[in-house]
Amino acid sequence: MGGAYERRQERFLARKALEQYPTQLQTYIDQPIASDIPISNVLWANSVLAFTVQKEQAFLKFWPQADIRKLDESTFVSIAGMLANKQVFKHKVL
């Protein structure tokens, strides 16, 4: 099929798995993240969290470290959903 299709399928399966364990995901995000884990992956996983407050806190914590130059669709949608928070709104995204 090709790389893009396979990458989307992998992301779908990872998201479905993360949705089954929101408490464990929150615990992981609350801990210091190992330096070999890409922060962009942590931000992507953060989008799974259902509770807006925790999602926004994690975004504000990790975004400055992420060094993301181009937003993908899921990151854009996740950030757009948090814009009611004035701290997120004022945060420099790009």
C-alpha atoms as a PDB file:
ATOM      1  CA  MET A   1       0.000   0.000   0.000  1.00  0.00           C
ATOM      2  CA  GLY A   2       2.730   2.453   0.819  1.00  0.00           C
ATOM      3  CA  GLY A   3       4.264   4.395   3.672  1.00  0.00           C
ATOM      4  CA  ALA A   4       1.556   6.998   4.271  1.00  0.00           C
ATOM      5  CA  TYR A   5      -1.234   4.423   4.495  1.00  0.00           C
ATOM      6  CA  GLU A   6       0.763   2.198   6.813  1.00  0.00           C
ATOM      7  CA  ARG A   7       1.704   5.141   9.053  1.00  0.00           C
ATOM      8  CA  ARG A   8      -1.959   6.153   9.383  1.00  0.00           C
ATOM      9  CA  GLN A   9      -2.905   2.567  10.200  1.00  0.00           C
ATOM     10  CA  GLU A  10      -0.194   2.395  12.874  1.00  0.00           C
ATOM     11  CA  ARG A  11      -1.381   5.674  14.399  1.00  0.00           C
ATOM     12  CA  PHE A  12      -4.983   4.424  14.400  1.00  0.00           C
ATOM     13  CA  LEU A  13      -4.019   1.225  16.207  1.00  0.00           C
ATOM     14  CA  ALA A  14      -1.838   3.092  18.713  1.00  0.00           C
ATOM     15  CA  ARG A  15      -4.633   5.563  19.436  1.00  0.00           C
ATOM     16  CA  LYS A  16      -7.165   2.748  19.948  1.00  0.00           C
ATOM     17  CA  ALA A  17      -4.777   1.123  22.432  1.00  0.00           C
ATOM     18  CA  LEU A  18      -4.141   4.401  24.298  1.00  0.00           C
ATOM     19  CA  GLU A  19      -7.884   5.059  24.556  1.00  0.00           C
ATOM     20  CA  GLN A  20      -8.217   1.809  26.511  1.00  0.00           C
ATOM     21  CA  TYR A  21      -5.757   2.977  29.202  1.00  0.00           C
ATOM     22  CA  PRO A  22      -6.330   6.688  29.924  1.00  0.00           C
ATOM     23  CA  THR A  23      -5.291   6.439  33.589  1.00  0.00           C
ATOM     24  CA  GLN A  24      -2.000   4.786  32.721  1.00  0.00           C
ATOM     25  CA  LEU A  25      -1.393   7.320  29.938  1.00  0.00           C
ATOM     26  CA  GLN A  26      -1.980  10.191  32.371  1.00  0.00           C
ATOM     27  CA  THR A  27       0.437   8.606  34.851  1.00  0.00           C
ATOM     28  CA  TYR A  28       3.062   8.283  32.103  1.00  0.00           C
ATOM     29  CA  ILE A  29       2.621  11.886  30.979  1.00  0.00           C
ATOM     30  CA  ASP A  30       2.879  13.154  34.565  1.00  0.00           C
ATOM     31  CA  GLN A  31       6.299  11.538  35.007  1.00  0.00           C
ATOM     32  CA  PRO A  32       9.570  12.893  33.606  1.00  0.00           C
ATOM     33  CA  ILE A  33       9.839  11.669  30.018  1.00  0.00           C
ATOM     34  CA  ALA A  34      12.999   9.808  29.013  1.00  0.00           C
ATOM     35  CA  SER A  35      15.269  11.803  26.727  1.00  0.00           C
ATOM     36  CA  ASP A  36      15.093   9.179  23.970  1.00  0.00           C
ATOM     37  CA  ILE A  37      11.296   9.556  23.638  1.00  0.00           C
ATOM     38  CA  PRO A  38      10.342  12.184  21.029  1.00  0.00           C
ATOM     39  CA  ILE A  39       8.263  14.905  22.694  1.00  0.00           C
ATOM     40  CA  SER A  40       6.166  15.151  19.520  1.00  0.00           C
ATOM     41  CA  ASN A  41       5.036  11.564  20.183  1.00  0.00           C
ATOM     42  CA  VAL A  42       4.090  12.457  23.758  1.00  0.00           C
ATOM     43  CA  LEU A  43       2.052  15.427  22.488  1.00  0.00           C
ATOM     44  CA  TRP A  44       0.309  13.165  19.993  1.00  0.00           C
ATOM     45  CA  ALA A  45      -0.524  10.649  22.727  1.00  0.00           C
ATOM     46  CA  ASN A  46      -1.754  13.518  24.903  1.00  0.00           C
ATOM     47  CA  SER A  47      -4.504  14.219  22.367  1.00  0.00           C
ATOM     48  CA  VAL A  48      -6.176  10.962  23.437  1.00  0.00           C
ATOM     49  CA  LEU A  49      -6.893  12.232  26.954  1.00  0.00           C
ATOM     50  CA  ALA A  50     -10.537  13.024  27.531  1.00  0.00           C
ATOM     51  CA  PHE A  51     -10.093  15.510  30.362  1.00  0.00           C
ATOM     52  CA  THR A  52      -9.387  18.932  28.963  1.00  0.00           C
ATOM     53  CA  VAL A  53      -7.530  20.277  31.991  1.00  0.00           C
ATOM     54  CA  GLN A  54      -4.962  17.469  31.961  1.00  0.00           C
ATOM     55  CA  LYS A  55      -4.598  17.711  28.201  1.00  0.00           C
ATOM     56  CA  GLU A  56      -3.974  21.464  28.365  1.00  0.00           C
ATOM     57  CA  GLN A  57      -1.474  21.148  31.232  1.00  0.00           C
ATOM     58  CA  ALA A  58       0.509  18.517  29.344  1.00  0.00           C
ATOM     59  CA  PHE A  59       0.432  20.608  26.162  1.00  0.00           C
ATOM     60  CA  LEU A  60       1.791  23.654  27.992  1.00  0.00           C
ATOM     61  CA  LYS A  61       4.470  21.484  29.601  1.00  0.00           C
ATOM     62  CA  PHE A  62       5.686  19.711  26.464  1.00  0.00           C
ATOM     63  CA  TRP A  63       5.069  22.106  23.571  1.00  0.00           C
ATOM     64  CA  PRO A  64       8.134  24.319  24.192  1.00  0.00           C
ATOM     65  CA  GLN A  65      10.336  21.200  23.997  1.00  0.00           C
ATOM     66  CA  ALA A  66       8.697  19.721  20.911  1.00  0.00           C
ATOM     67  CA  ASP A  67      10.330  21.895  18.215  1.00  0.00           C
ATOM     68  CA  ILE A  68       7.517  21.124  15.771  1.00  0.00           C
ATOM     69  CA  ARG A  69       7.855  23.223  12.609  1.00  0.00           C
ATOM     70  CA  LYS A  70       4.816  21.917  10.736  1.00  0.00           C
ATOM     71  CA  LEU A  71       1.491  20.855  12.246  1.00  0.00           C
ATOM     72  CA  ASP A  72      -0.098  17.651  11.087  1.00  0.00           C
ATOM     73  CA  GLU A  73      -3.876  17.390  10.995  1.00  0.00           C
ATOM     74  CA  SER A  74      -4.314  15.623  14.340  1.00  0.00           C
ATOM     75  CA  THR A  75      -2.022  18.057  16.179  1.00  0.00           C
ATOM     76  CA  PHE A  76      -3.824  21.031  14.653  1.00  0.00           C
ATOM     77  CA  VAL A  77      -7.233  19.652  15.693  1.00  0.00           C
ATOM     78  CA  SER A  78      -5.961  18.889  19.189  1.00  0.00           C
ATOM     79  CA  ILE A  79      -4.558  22.411  19.663  1.00  0.00           C
ATOM     80  CA  ALA A  80      -7.671  24.025  18.193  1.00  0.00           C
ATOM     81  CA  GLY A  81      -9.779  22.180  20.758  1.00  0.00           C
ATOM     82  CA  MET A  82      -7.801  23.776  23.582  1.00  0.00           C
ATOM     83  CA  LEU A  83      -7.938  27.409  22.434  1.00  0.00           C
ATOM     84  CA  ALA A  84     -10.571  28.319  25.029  1.00  0.00           C
ATOM     85  CA  ASN A  85      -7.716  28.154  27.545  1.00  0.00           C
ATOM     86  CA  LYS A  86      -6.092  31.599  27.464  1.00  0.00           C
ATOM     87  CA  GLN A  87      -2.645  30.157  28.229  1.00  0.00           C
ATOM     88  CA  VAL A  88      -2.862  27.833  25.228  1.00  0.00           C
ATOM     89  CA  PHE A  89      -4.286  30.611  23.060  1.00  0.00           C
ATOM     90  CA  LYS A  90      -1.408  32.959  23.905  1.00  0.00           C
ATOM     91  CA  HIS A  91       1.220  30.236  23.530  1.00  0.00           C
ATOM     92  CA  LYS A  92       3.362  30.575  20.429  1.00  0.00           C
ATOM     93  CA  VAL A  93       2.516  27.546  18.333  1.00  0.00           C
ATOM     94  CA  LEU A  94       4.667  28.204  15.269  1.00  0.00           C
END
